[in-house]
Amino acid sequence: MLARSDAALRQCYEYWDQAIDNPDHALFYAYKLMEVRKKKFGGWAALIRTLALRDKIEYVKRAANDAHMDERHARGELVKNTVHPRFDRATALKYTEDILRAYEQYLRRDSDQLAR
């Protein structure tokens, strides 16, 4: 029901499905999901303030851009296997899901207030 009323949420669900279906590129889709949220709220600061998930949002952003896990930029030197990455892909995906669920809760609260 929420997805029918919010185009950005539908787009987030599409990115989430792609992240789950494409584990080798999951962080690319996780970041895309975050960008949809950023655009919806008008910037990173507003997103962080509204969802109150600063640490999780920053973790996902940094994991997606980490030189050992970077799936967003063209590769220079291959560094993926040279040093243990600072970020864990499973943790980044869990945090992405937490952010998605927090947005769903935000929409529910918003729709409940409109219904009153």
PDB file of N, CA and C in Angstrom:
ATOM      1  N   MET A   1       0.806  -1.190   0.000  1.00  0.00           N
ATOM      2  CA  MET A   1       0.000   0.000   0.000  1.00  0.00           C
ATOM      3  C   MET A   1       0.855   1.260   0.000  1.00  0.00           C
ATOM      4  N   LEU A   2       1.888   1.275   0.832  1.00  0.00           N
ATOM      5  CA  LEU A   2       2.764   2.440   0.868  1.00  0.00           C
ATOM      6  C   LEU A   2       3.401   2.703  -0.486  1.00  0.00           C
ATOM      7  N   ALA A   3       3.850   1.641  -1.135  1.00  0.00           N
ATOM      8  CA  ALA A   3       4.554   1.797  -2.410  1.00  0.00           C
ATOM      9  C   ALA A   3       3.658   2.398  -3.478  1.00  0.00           C
ATOM     10  N   ARG A   4       2.368   2.120  -3.419  1.00  0.00           N
ATOM     11  CA  ARG A   4       1.460   2.701  -4.409  1.00  0.00           C
ATOM     12  C   ARG A   4       1.375   4.212  -4.285  1.00  0.00           C
ATOM     13  N   SER A   5       1.540   4.716  -3.076  1.00  0.00           N
ATOM     14  CA  SER A   5       1.395   6.155  -2.859  1.00  0.00           C
ATOM     15  C   SER A   5       2.720   6.909  -2.905  1.00  0.00           C
ATOM     16  N   ASP A   6       3.836   6.202  -3.035  1.00  0.00           N
ATOM     17  CA  ASP A   6       5.131   6.870  -2.995  1.00  0.00           C
ATOM     18  C   ASP A   6       6.064   6.295  -4.065  1.00  0.00           C
ATOM     19  N   ALA A   7       6.261   7.057  -5.129  1.00  0.00           N
ATOM     20  CA  ALA A   7       7.091   6.597  -6.248  1.00  0.00           C
ATOM     21  C   ALA A   7       8.533   6.339  -5.811  1.00  0.00           C
ATOM     22  N   ALA A   8       9.037   7.158  -4.905  1.00  0.00           N
ATOM     23  CA  ALA A   8      10.410   6.968  -4.436  1.00  0.00           C
ATOM     24  C   ALA A   8      10.559   5.642  -3.688  1.00  0.00           C
ATOM     25  N   LEU A   9       9.551   5.264  -2.937  1.00  0.00           N
ATOM     26  CA  LEU A   9       9.599   3.986  -2.231  1.00  0.00           C
ATOM     27  C   LEU A   9       9.592   2.828  -3.223  1.00  0.00           C
ATOM     28  N   ARG A  10       8.790   2.934  -4.265  1.00  0.00           N
ATOM     29  CA  ARG A  10       8.792   1.886  -5.299  1.00  0.00           C
ATOM     30  C   ARG A  10      10.184   1.743  -5.911  1.00  0.00           C
ATOM     31  N   GLN A  11      10.817   2.869  -6.178  1.00  0.00           N
ATOM     32  CA  GLN A  11      12.161   2.833  -6.752  1.00  0.00           C
ATOM     33  C   GLN A  11      13.145   2.204  -5.762  1.00  0.00           C
ATOM     34  N   CYS A  12      12.992   2.510  -4.487  1.00  0.00           N
ATOM     35  CA  CYS A  12      13.856   1.900  -3.471  1.00  0.00           C
ATOM     36  C   CYS A  12      13.671   0.392  -3.427  1.00  0.00           C
ATOM     37  N   TYR A  13      12.433  -0.061  -3.523  1.00  0.00           N
ATOM     38  CA  TYR A  13      12.182  -1.505  -3.549  1.00  0.00           C
ATOM     39  C   TYR A  13      12.858  -2.156  -4.751  1.00  0.00           C
ATOM     40  N   GLU A  14      12.834  -1.490  -5.891  1.00  0.00           N
ATOM     41  CA  GLU A  14      13.508  -2.032  -7.078  1.00  0.00           C
ATOM     42  C   GLU A  14      15.009  -2.155  -6.842  1.00  0.00           C
ATOM     43  N   TYR A  15      15.615  -1.116  -6.278  1.00  0.00           N
ATOM     44  CA  TYR A  15      17.052  -1.168  -5.986  1.00  0.00           C
ATOM     45  C   TYR A  15      17.360  -2.234  -4.933  1.00  0.00           C
ATOM     46  N   TRP A  16      16.503  -2.357  -3.940  1.00  0.00           N
ATOM     47  CA  TRP A  16      16.713  -3.372  -2.905  1.00  0.00           C
ATOM     48  C   TRP A  16      16.682  -4.766  -3.521  1.00  0.00           C
ATOM     49  N   ASP A  17      15.689  -5.028  -4.365  1.00  0.00           N
ATOM     50  CA  ASP A  17      15.613  -6.326  -5.043  1.00  0.00           C
ATOM     51  C   ASP A  17      16.856  -6.584  -5.876  1.00  0.00           C
ATOM     52  N   GLN A  18      17.349  -5.567  -6.571  1.00  0.00           N
ATOM     53  CA  GLN A  18      18.553  -5.729  -7.380  1.00  0.00           C
ATOM     54  C   GLN A  18      19.770  -6.003  -6.503  1.00  0.00           C
ATOM     55  N   ALA A  19      19.842  -5.358  -5.350  1.00  0.00           N
ATOM     56  CA  ALA A  19      20.962  -5.598  -4.425  1.00  0.00           C
ATOM     57  C   ALA A  19      20.959  -7.051  -3.948  1.00  0.00           C
ATOM     58  N   ILE A  20      19.796  -7.563  -3.635  1.00  0.00           N
ATOM     59  CA  ILE A  20      19.689  -8.943  -3.162  1.00  0.00           C
ATOM     60  C   ILE A  20      19.972  -9.936  -4.291  1.00  0.00           C
ATOM     61  N   ASP A  21      19.485  -9.620  -5.487  1.00  0.00           N
ATOM     62  CA  ASP A  21      19.646 -10.527  -6.628  1.00  0.00           C
ATOM     63  C   ASP A  21      21.045 -10.497  -7.240  1.00  0.00           C
ATOM     64  N   ASN A  22      21.820  -9.445  -6.963  1.00  0.00           N
ATOM     65  CA  ASN A  22      23.151  -9.276  -7.554  1.00  0.00           C
ATOM     66  C   ASN A  22      24.182  -9.023  -6.458  1.00  0.00           C
ATOM     67  N   PRO A  23      24.533 -10.034  -5.686  1.00  0.00           N
ATOM     68  CA  PRO A  23      25.419  -9.814  -4.540  1.00  0.00           C
ATOM     69  C   PRO A  23      26.777  -9.208  -4.889  1.00  0.00           C
ATOM     70  N   ASP A  24      27.291  -9.480  -6.085  1.00  0.00           N
ATOM     71  CA  ASP A  24      28.585  -8.907  -6.474  1.00  0.00           C
ATOM     72  C   ASP A  24      28.504  -7.399  -6.690  1.00  0.00           C
ATOM     73  N   HIS A  25      27.310  -6.892  -6.897  1.00  0.00           N
ATOM     74  CA  HIS A  25      27.113  -5.453  -7.125  1.00  0.00           C
ATOM     75  C   HIS A  25      26.111  -4.860  -6.137  1.00  0.00           C
ATOM     76  N   ALA A  26      25.931  -5.544  -5.026  1.00  0.00           N
ATOM     77  CA  ALA A  26      24.916  -5.136  -4.053  1.00  0.00           C
ATOM     78  C   ALA A  26      25.133  -3.730  -3.527  1.00  0.00           C
ATOM     79  N   LEU A  27      26.382  -3.340  -3.297  1.00  0.00           N
ATOM     80  CA  LEU A  27      26.628  -2.014  -2.734  1.00  0.00           C
ATOM     81  C   LEU A  27      26.323  -0.899  -3.735  1.00  0.00           C
ATOM     82  N   PHE A  28      26.467  -1.190  -5.008  1.00  0.00           N
ATOM     83  CA  PHE A  28      26.071  -0.222  -6.030  1.00  0.00           C
ATOM     84  C   PHE A  28      24.588   0.089  -5.882  1.00  0.00           C
ATOM     85  N   TYR A  29      23.767  -0.954  -5.774  1.00  0.00           N
ATOM     86  CA  TYR A  29      22.320  -0.763  -5.655  1.00  0.00           C
ATOM     87  C   TYR A  29      21.940  -0.198  -4.290  1.00  0.00           C
ATOM     88  N   ALA A  30      22.666  -0.569  -3.259  1.00  0.00           N
ATOM     89  CA  ALA A  30      22.415   0.011  -1.932  1.00  0.00           C
ATOM     90  C   ALA A  30      22.634   1.521  -1.969  1.00  0.00           C
ATOM     91  N   TYR A  31      23.701   1.939  -2.637  1.00  0.00           N
ATOM     92  CA  TYR A  31      23.974   3.379  -2.727  1.00  0.00           C
ATOM     93  C   TYR A  31      22.905   4.075  -3.565  1.00  0.00           C
ATOM     94  N   LYS A  32      22.475   3.433  -4.643  1.00  0.00           N
ATOM     95  CA  LYS A  32      21.406   4.020  -5.472  1.00  0.00           C
ATOM     96  C   LYS A  32      20.139   4.215  -4.631  1.00  0.00           C
ATOM     97  N   LEU A  33      19.819   3.233  -3.806  1.00  0.00           N
ATOM     98  CA  LEU A  33      18.674   3.347  -2.912  1.00  0.00           C
ATOM     99  C   LEU A  33      18.849   4.563  -1.999  1.00  0.00           C
ATOM    100  N   MET A  34      20.053   4.732  -1.474  1.00  0.00           N
ATOM    101  CA  MET A  34      20.337   5.878  -0.597  1.00  0.00           C
ATOM    102  C   MET A  34      20.200   7.203  -1.357  1.00  0.00           C
ATOM    103  N   GLU A  35      20.622   7.215  -2.609  1.00  0.00           N
ATOM    104  CA  GLU A  35      20.496   8.439  -3.394  1.00  0.00           C
ATOM    105  C   GLU A  35      19.043   8.829  -3.623  1.00  0.00           C
ATOM    106  N   VAL A  36      18.178   7.844  -3.793  1.00  0.00           N
ATOM    107  CA  VAL A  36      16.748   8.131  -3.922  1.00  0.00           C
ATOM    108  C   VAL A  36      16.255   8.804  -2.650  1.00  0.00           C
ATOM    109  N   ARG A  37      16.672   8.296  -1.496  1.00  0.00           N
ATOM    110  CA  ARG A  37      16.287   8.883  -0.211  1.00  0.00           C
ATOM    111  C   ARG A  37      16.830  10.309  -0.098  1.00  0.00           C
ATOM    112  N   LYS A  38      18.096  10.465  -0.470  1.00  0.00           N
ATOM    113  CA  LYS A  38      18.727  11.793  -0.392  1.00  0.00           C
ATOM    114  C   LYS A  38      17.946  12.798  -1.228  1.00  0.00           C
ATOM    115  N   LYS A  39      17.604  12.410  -2.432  1.00  0.00           N
ATOM    116  CA  LYS A  39      16.867  13.305  -3.326  1.00  0.00           C
ATOM    117  C   LYS A  39      15.493  13.636  -2.745  1.00  0.00           C
ATOM    118  N   LYS A  40      14.839  12.636  -2.196  1.00  0.00           N
ATOM    119  CA  LYS A  40      13.498  12.823  -1.631  1.00  0.00           C
ATOM    120  C   LYS A  40      13.518  13.847  -0.496  1.00  0.00           C
ATOM    121  N   PHE A  41      14.565  13.807   0.326  1.00  0.00           N
ATOM    122  CA  PHE A  41      14.637  14.695   1.490  1.00  0.00           C
ATOM    123  C   PHE A  41      15.400  15.985   1.219  1.00  0.00           C
ATOM    124  N   GLY A  42      16.025  16.099   0.062  1.00  0.00           N
ATOM    125  CA  GLY A  42      16.716  17.340  -0.271  1.00  0.00           C
ATOM    126  C   GLY A  42      18.162  17.403   0.178  1.00  0.00           C
ATOM    127  N   GLY A  43      18.772  16.268   0.434  1.00  0.00           N
ATOM    128  CA  GLY A  43      20.195  16.241   0.788  1.00  0.00           C
ATOM    129  C   GLY A  43      20.473  15.243   1.896  1.00  0.00           C
ATOM    130  N   TRP A  44      21.769  14.956   2.065  1.00  0.00           N
ATOM    131  CA  TRP A  44      22.182  13.980   3.077  1.00  0.00           C
ATOM    132  C   TRP A  44      21.808  14.444   4.477  1.00  0.00           C
ATOM    133  N   ALA A  45      22.030  15.714   4.773  1.00  0.00           N
ATOM    134  CA  ALA A  45      21.761  16.215   6.132  1.00  0.00           C
ATOM    135  C   ALA A  45      20.293  16.059   6.491  1.00  0.00           C
ATOM    136  N   ALA A  46      19.410  16.385   5.570  1.00  0.00           N
ATOM    137  CA  ALA A  46      17.975  16.264   5.831  1.00  0.00           C
ATOM    138  C   ALA A  46      17.569  14.798   5.983  1.00  0.00           C
ATOM    139  N   LEU A  47      18.153  13.927   5.187  1.00  0.00           N
ATOM    140  CA  LEU A  47      17.873  12.493   5.304  1.00  0.00           C
ATOM    141  C   LEU A  47      18.297  11.980   6.676  1.00  0.00           C
ATOM    142  N   ILE A  48      19.500  12.322   7.076  1.00  0.00           N
ATOM    143  CA  ILE A  48      20.032  11.886   8.369  1.00  0.00           C
ATOM    144  C   ILE A  48      19.180  12.441   9.510  1.00  0.00           C
ATOM    145  N   ARG A  49      18.825  13.702   9.423  1.00  0.00           N
ATOM    146  CA  ARG A  49      18.014  14.340  10.466  1.00  0.00           C
ATOM    147  C   ARG A  49      16.627  13.679  10.571  1.00  0.00           C
ATOM    148  N   THR A  50      16.016  13.398   9.429  1.00  0.00           N
ATOM    149  CA  THR A  50      14.655  12.860   9.415  1.00  0.00           C
ATOM    150  C   THR A  50      14.599  11.421   9.897  1.00  0.00           C
ATOM    151  N   LEU A  51      15.507  10.585   9.426  1.00  0.00           N
ATOM    152  CA  LEU A  51      15.470   9.165   9.788  1.00  0.00           C
ATOM    153  C   LEU A  51      16.268   8.845  11.046  1.00  0.00           C
ATOM    154  N   ALA A  52      17.109   9.785  11.485  1.00  0.00           N
ATOM    155  CA  ALA A  52      17.910   9.616  12.708  1.00  0.00           C
ATOM    156  C   ALA A  52      18.748   8.334  12.667  1.00  0.00           C
ATOM    157  N   LEU A  53      19.389   8.088  11.538  1.00  0.00           N
ATOM    158  CA  LEU A  53      20.236   6.897  11.374  1.00  0.00           C
ATOM    159  C   LEU A  53      21.614   7.294  10.833  1.00  0.00           C
ATOM    160  N   ARG A  54      22.193   8.332  11.393  1.00  0.00           N
ATOM    161  CA  ARG A  54      23.461   8.865  10.881  1.00  0.00           C
ATOM    162  C   ARG A  54      24.519   7.773  10.698  1.00  0.00           C
ATOM    163  N   ASP A  55      24.779   6.985  11.722  1.00  0.00           N
ATOM    164  CA  ASP A  55      25.860   5.995  11.645  1.00  0.00           C
ATOM    165  C   ASP A  55      25.619   4.972  10.541  1.00  0.00           C
ATOM    166  N   LYS A  56      24.390   4.530  10.395  1.00  0.00           N
ATOM    167  CA  LYS A  56      24.084   3.536   9.367  1.00  0.00           C
ATOM    168  C   LYS A  56      24.173   4.143   7.973  1.00  0.00           C
ATOM    169  N   ILE A  57      23.668   5.339   7.804  1.00  0.00           N
ATOM    170  CA  ILE A  57      23.736   6.012   6.503  1.00  0.00           C
ATOM    171  C   ILE A  57      25.186   6.251   6.113  1.00  0.00           C
ATOM    172  N   GLU A  58      25.980   6.745   7.040  1.00  0.00           N
ATOM    173  CA  GLU A  58      27.402   6.999   6.749  1.00  0.00           C
ATOM    174  C   GLU A  58      28.144   5.700   6.457  1.00  0.00           C
ATOM    175  N   TYR A  59      27.834   4.630   7.155  1.00  0.00           N
ATOM    176  CA  TYR A  59      28.485   3.341   6.917  1.00  0.00           C
ATOM    177  C   TYR A  59      28.224   2.860   5.494  1.00  0.00           C
ATOM    178  N   VAL A  60      26.958   2.899   5.076  1.00  0.00           N
ATOM    179  CA  VAL A  60      26.615   2.439   3.726  1.00  0.00           C
ATOM    180  C   VAL A  60      27.303   3.311   2.681  1.00  0.00           C
ATOM    181  N   LYS A  61      27.288   4.619   2.861  1.00  0.00           N
ATOM    182  CA  LYS A  61      27.952   5.515   1.909  1.00  0.00           C
ATOM    183  C   LYS A  61      29.440   5.194   1.807  1.00  0.00           C
ATOM    184  N   ARG A  62      30.076   5.023   2.952  1.00  0.00           N
ATOM    185  CA  ARG A  62      31.524   4.758   2.954  1.00  0.00           C
ATOM    186  C   ARG A  62      31.851   3.372   2.402  1.00  0.00           C
ATOM    187  N   ALA A  63      31.033   2.393   2.740  1.00  0.00           N
ATOM    188  CA  ALA A  63      31.272   1.033   2.226  1.00  0.00           C
ATOM    189  C   ALA A  63      31.174   1.020   0.703  1.00  0.00           C
ATOM    190  N   ALA A  64      30.187   1.705   0.160  1.00  0.00           N
ATOM    191  CA  ALA A  64      29.994   1.725  -1.293  1.00  0.00           C
ATOM    192  C   ALA A  64      31.133   2.440  -2.003  1.00  0.00           C
ATOM    193  N   ASN A  65      31.825   3.331  -1.296  1.00  0.00           N
ATOM    194  CA  ASN A  65      32.927   4.085  -1.889  1.00  0.00           C
ATOM    195  C   ASN A  65      34.309   3.587  -1.470  1.00  0.00           C
ATOM    196  N   ASP A  66      34.381   2.610  -0.577  1.00  0.00           N
ATOM    197  CA  ASP A  66      35.658   2.104  -0.103  1.00  0.00           C
ATOM    198  C   ASP A  66      36.463   1.516  -1.261  1.00  0.00           C
ATOM    199  N   ALA A  67      37.741   1.791  -1.301  1.00  0.00           N
ATOM    200  CA  ALA A  67      38.596   1.345  -2.408  1.00  0.00           C
ATOM    201  C   ALA A  67      38.598  -0.169  -2.573  1.00  0.00           C
ATOM    202  N   HIS A  68      38.351  -0.909  -1.500  1.00  0.00           N
ATOM    203  CA  HIS A  68      38.359  -2.367  -1.572  1.00  0.00           C
ATOM    204  C   HIS A  68      37.011  -2.942  -1.971  1.00  0.00           C
ATOM    205  N   MET A  69      35.986  -2.125  -1.879  1.00  0.00           N
ATOM    206  CA  MET A  69      34.640  -2.612  -2.158  1.00  0.00           C
ATOM    207  C   MET A  69      33.935  -1.760  -3.195  1.00  0.00           C
ATOM    208  N   ASP A  70      34.590  -0.734  -3.674  1.00  0.00           N
ATOM    209  CA  ASP A  70      33.955   0.260  -4.541  1.00  0.00           C
ATOM    210  C   ASP A  70      33.289  -0.389  -5.743  1.00  0.00           C
ATOM    211  N   GLU A  71      32.017  -0.177  -5.845  1.00  0.00           N
ATOM    212  CA  GLU A  71      31.250  -0.674  -6.979  1.00  0.00           C
ATOM    213  C   GLU A  71      30.634   0.484  -7.753  1.00  0.00           C
ATOM    214  N   ARG A  72      30.981   1.698  -7.374  1.00  0.00           N
ATOM    215  CA  ARG A  72      30.353   2.867  -7.980  1.00  0.00           C
ATOM    216  C   ARG A  72      31.238   3.568  -8.992  1.00  0.00           C
ATOM    217  N   HIS A  73      32.538   3.354  -8.944  1.00  0.00           N
ATOM    218  CA  HIS A  73      33.452   4.104  -9.802  1.00  0.00           C
ATOM    219  C   HIS A  73      34.300   3.165 -10.653  1.00  0.00           C
ATOM    220  N   ALA A  74      34.830   3.694 -11.746  1.00  0.00           N
ATOM    221  CA  ALA A  74      35.737   2.907 -12.583  1.00  0.00           C
ATOM    222  C   ALA A  74      36.971   2.544 -11.766  1.00  0.00           C
ATOM    223  N   ARG A  75      37.443   1.350 -11.943  1.00  0.00           N
ATOM    224  CA  ARG A  75      38.610   0.884 -11.188  1.00  0.00           C
ATOM    225  C   ARG A  75      39.902   1.426 -11.793  1.00  0.00           C
ATOM    226  N   GLY A  76      40.777   1.856 -10.915  1.00  0.00           N
ATOM    227  CA  GLY A  76      42.143   2.155 -11.295  1.00  0.00           C
ATOM    228  C   GLY A  76      42.913   0.870 -11.092  1.00  0.00           C
ATOM    229  N   GLU A  77      43.672   0.826 -10.016  1.00  0.00           N
ATOM    230  CA  GLU A  77      44.353  -0.414  -9.661  1.00  0.00           C
ATOM    231  C   GLU A  77      43.389  -1.309  -8.899  1.00  0.00           C
ATOM    232  N   LEU A  78      43.495  -2.587  -9.138  1.00  0.00           N
ATOM    233  CA  LEU A  78      42.647  -3.527  -8.423  1.00  0.00           C
ATOM    234  C   LEU A  78      43.186  -3.682  -7.003  1.00  0.00           C
ATOM    235  N   VAL A  79      42.416  -3.236  -6.045  1.00  0.00           N
ATOM    236  CA  VAL A  79      42.855  -3.322  -4.651  1.00  0.00           C
ATOM    237  C   VAL A  79      41.938  -4.221  -3.838  1.00  0.00           C
ATOM    238  N   LYS A  80      40.961  -4.823  -4.454  1.00  0.00           N
ATOM    239  CA  LYS A  80      39.941  -5.572  -3.736  1.00  0.00           C
ATOM    240  C   LYS A  80      40.528  -6.671  -2.846  1.00  0.00           C
ATOM    241  N   ASN A  81      41.570  -7.329  -3.264  1.00  0.00           N
ATOM    242  CA  ASN A  81      42.098  -8.452  -2.498  1.00  0.00           C
ATOM    243  C   ASN A  81      43.434  -8.166  -1.821  1.00  0.00           C
ATOM    244  N   THR A  82      43.906  -6.920  -1.836  1.00  0.00           N
ATOM    245  CA  THR A  82      45.226  -6.640  -1.294  1.00  0.00           C
ATOM    246  C   THR A  82      45.236  -6.478   0.214  1.00  0.00           C
ATOM    247  N   VAL A  83      44.218  -5.885   0.783  1.00  0.00           N
ATOM    248  CA  VAL A  83      44.137  -5.650   2.214  1.00  0.00           C
ATOM    249  C   VAL A  83      42.697  -5.924   2.631  1.00  0.00           C
ATOM    250  N   HIS A  84      42.535  -6.396   3.831  1.00  0.00           N
ATOM    251  CA  HIS A  84      41.175  -6.645   4.326  1.00  0.00           C
ATOM    252  C   HIS A  84      40.379  -5.338   4.293  1.00  0.00           C
ATOM    253  N   PRO A  85      39.204  -5.365   3.707  1.00  0.00           N
ATOM    254  CA  PRO A  85      38.397  -4.148   3.642  1.00  0.00           C
ATOM    255  C   PRO A  85      37.971  -3.676   5.034  1.00  0.00           C
ATOM    256  N   ARG A  86      37.779  -2.387   5.152  1.00  0.00           N
ATOM    257  CA  ARG A  86      37.363  -1.794   6.427  1.00  0.00           C
ATOM    258  C   ARG A  86      35.867  -1.994   6.673  1.00  0.00           C
ATOM    259  N   PHE A  87      35.140  -2.380   5.646  1.00  0.00           N
ATOM    260  CA  PHE A  87      33.691  -2.490   5.739  1.00  0.00           C
ATOM    261  C   PHE A  87      33.248  -3.903   5.388  1.00  0.00           C
ATOM    262  N   ASP A  88      32.139  -4.292   5.951  1.00  0.00           N
ATOM    263  CA  ASP A  88      31.575  -5.599   5.712  1.00  0.00           C
ATOM    264  C   ASP A  88      30.334  -5.450   4.835  1.00  0.00           C
ATOM    265  N   ARG A  89      30.289  -6.163   3.733  1.00  0.00           N
ATOM    266  CA  ARG A  89      29.174  -6.072   2.781  1.00  0.00           C
ATOM    267  C   ARG A  89      27.842  -6.454   3.444  1.00  0.00           C
ATOM    268  N   ALA A  90      27.851  -7.518   4.243  1.00  0.00           N
ATOM    269  CA  ALA A  90      26.611  -7.951   4.892  1.00  0.00           C
ATOM    270  C   ALA A  90      26.093  -6.885   5.856  1.00  0.00           C
ATOM    271  N   THR A  91      27.001  -6.249   6.577  1.00  0.00           N
ATOM    272  CA  THR A  91      26.597  -5.171   7.483  1.00  0.00           C
ATOM    273  C   THR A  91      26.031  -3.996   6.704  1.00  0.00           C
ATOM    274  N   ALA A  92      26.680  -3.637   5.610  1.00  0.00           N
ATOM    275  CA  ALA A  92      26.186  -2.526   4.785  1.00  0.00           C
ATOM    276  C   ALA A  92      24.791  -2.831   4.249  1.00  0.00           C
ATOM    277  N   LEU A  93      24.553  -4.071   3.842  1.00  0.00           N
ATOM    278  CA  LEU A  93      23.224  -4.441   3.343  1.00  0.00           C
ATOM    279  C   LEU A  93      22.186  -4.452   4.457  1.00  0.00           C
ATOM    280  N   LYS A  94      22.562  -4.918   5.635  1.00  0.00           N
ATOM    281  CA  LYS A  94      21.644  -4.895   6.771  1.00  0.00           C
ATOM    282  C   LYS A  94      21.267  -3.448   7.100  1.00  0.00           C
ATOM    283  N   TYR A  95      22.246  -2.563   7.107  1.00  0.00           N
ATOM    284  CA  TYR A  95      21.981  -1.149   7.388  1.00  0.00           C
ATOM    285  C   TYR A  95      21.112  -0.527   6.297  1.00  0.00           C
ATOM    286  N   THR A  96      21.336  -0.938   5.057  1.00  0.00           N
ATOM    287  CA  THR A  96      20.501  -0.443   3.959  1.00  0.00           C
ATOM    288  C   THR A  96      19.052  -0.850   4.184  1.00  0.00           C
ATOM    289  N   GLU A  97      18.864  -2.105   4.592  1.00  0.00           N
ATOM    290  CA  GLU A  97      17.503  -2.562   4.881  1.00  0.00           C
ATOM    291  C   GLU A  97      16.906  -1.774   6.056  1.00  0.00           C
ATOM    292  N   ASP A  98      17.707  -1.516   7.084  1.00  0.00           N
ATOM    293  CA  ASP A  98      17.232  -0.728   8.224  1.00  0.00           C
ATOM    294  C   ASP A  98      16.794   0.670   7.776  1.00  0.00           C
ATOM    295  N   ILE A  99      17.548   1.264   6.868  1.00  0.00           N
ATOM    296  CA  ILE A  99      17.223   2.597   6.351  1.00  0.00           C
ATOM    297  C   ILE A  99      15.923   2.546   5.550  1.00  0.00           C
ATOM    298  N   LEU A 100      15.780   1.509   4.739  1.00  0.00           N
ATOM    299  CA  LEU A 100      14.548   1.335   3.971  1.00  0.00           C
ATOM    300  C   LEU A 100      13.347   1.179   4.908  1.00  0.00           C
ATOM    301  N   ARG A 101      13.493   0.359   5.938  1.00  0.00           N
ATOM    302  CA  ARG A 101      12.390   0.160   6.891  1.00  0.00           C
ATOM    303  C   ARG A 101      12.083   1.441   7.664  1.00  0.00           C
ATOM    304  N   ALA A 102      13.099   2.219   7.988  1.00  0.00           N
ATOM    305  CA  ALA A 102      12.876   3.496   8.676  1.00  0.00           C
ATOM    306  C   ALA A 102      12.093   4.459   7.777  1.00  0.00           C
ATOM    307  N   TYR A 103      12.370   4.421   6.486  1.00  0.00           N
ATOM    308  CA  TYR A 103      11.616   5.268   5.564  1.00  0.00           C
ATOM    309  C   TYR A 103      10.154   4.812   5.491  1.00  0.00           C
ATOM    310  N   GLU A 104       9.934   3.506   5.487  1.00  0.00           N
ATOM    311  CA  GLU A 104       8.562   3.000   5.511  1.00  0.00           C
ATOM    312  C   GLU A 104       7.825   3.506   6.762  1.00  0.00           C
ATOM    313  N   GLN A 105       8.508   3.455   7.909  1.00  0.00           N
ATOM    314  CA  GLN A 105       7.910   3.948   9.154  1.00  0.00           C
ATOM    315  C   GLN A 105       7.610   5.442   9.073  1.00  0.00           C
ATOM    316  N   TYR A 106       8.524   6.177   8.472  1.00  0.00           N
ATOM    317  CA  TYR A 106       8.318   7.621   8.271  1.00  0.00           C
ATOM    318  C   TYR A 106       7.050   7.858   7.445  1.00  0.00           C
ATOM    319  N   LEU A 107       6.883   7.095   6.374  1.00  0.00           N
ATOM    320  CA  LEU A 107       5.699   7.248   5.525  1.00  0.00           C
ATOM    321  C   LEU A 107       4.427   6.873   6.278  1.00  0.00           C
ATOM    322  N   ARG A 108       4.507   5.833   7.086  1.00  0.00           N
ATOM    323  CA  ARG A 108       3.326   5.429   7.875  1.00  0.00           C
ATOM    324  C   ARG A 108       2.930   6.532   8.862  1.00  0.00           C
ATOM    325  N   ARG A 109       3.921   7.091   9.547  1.00  0.00           N
ATOM    326  CA  ARG A 109       3.628   8.177  10.491  1.00  0.00           C
ATOM    327  C   ARG A 109       3.010   9.365   9.765  1.00  0.00           C
ATOM    328  N   ASP A 110       3.601   9.688   8.612  1.00  0.00           N
ATOM    329  CA  ASP A 110       3.121  10.815   7.819  1.00  0.00           C
ATOM    330  C   ASP A 110       1.676  10.584   7.345  1.00  0.00           C
ATOM    331  N   SER A 111       1.393   9.376   6.871  1.00  0.00           N
ATOM    332  CA  SER A 111       0.034   9.085   6.394  1.00  0.00           C
ATOM    333  C   SER A 111      -0.955   9.034   7.554  1.00  0.00           C
ATOM    334  N   ASP A 112      -0.521   8.570   8.723  1.00  0.00           N
ATOM    335  CA  ASP A 112      -1.393   8.563   9.901  1.00  0.00           C
ATOM    336  C   ASP A 112      -1.751   9.984  10.318  1.00  0.00           C
ATOM    337  N   GLN A 113      -0.773  10.887  10.252  1.00  0.00           N
ATOM    338  CA  GLN A 113      -1.047  12.284  10.619  1.00  0.00           C
ATOM    339  C   GLN A 113      -1.994  12.949   9.636  1.00  0.00           C
ATOM    340  N   LEU A 114      -1.878  12.602   8.361  1.00  0.00           N
ATOM    341  CA  LEU A 114      -2.778  13.166   7.352  1.00  0.00           C
ATOM    342  C   LEU A 114      -4.208  12.645   7.514  1.00  0.00           C
ATOM    343  N   ALA A 115      -4.332  11.421   8.003  1.00  0.00           N
ATOM    344  CA  ALA A 115      -5.645  10.802   8.164  1.00  0.00           C
ATOM    345  C   ALA A 115      -6.421  11.409   9.347  1.00  0.00           C
ATOM    346  N   ARG A 116      -5.717  12.041  10.252  1.00  0.00           N
ATOM    347  CA  ARG A 116      -6.382  12.620  11.434  1.00  0.00           C
ATOM    348  C   ARG A 116      -7.042  13.899  11.149  1.00  0.00           C
TER     349      ARG A 116
END
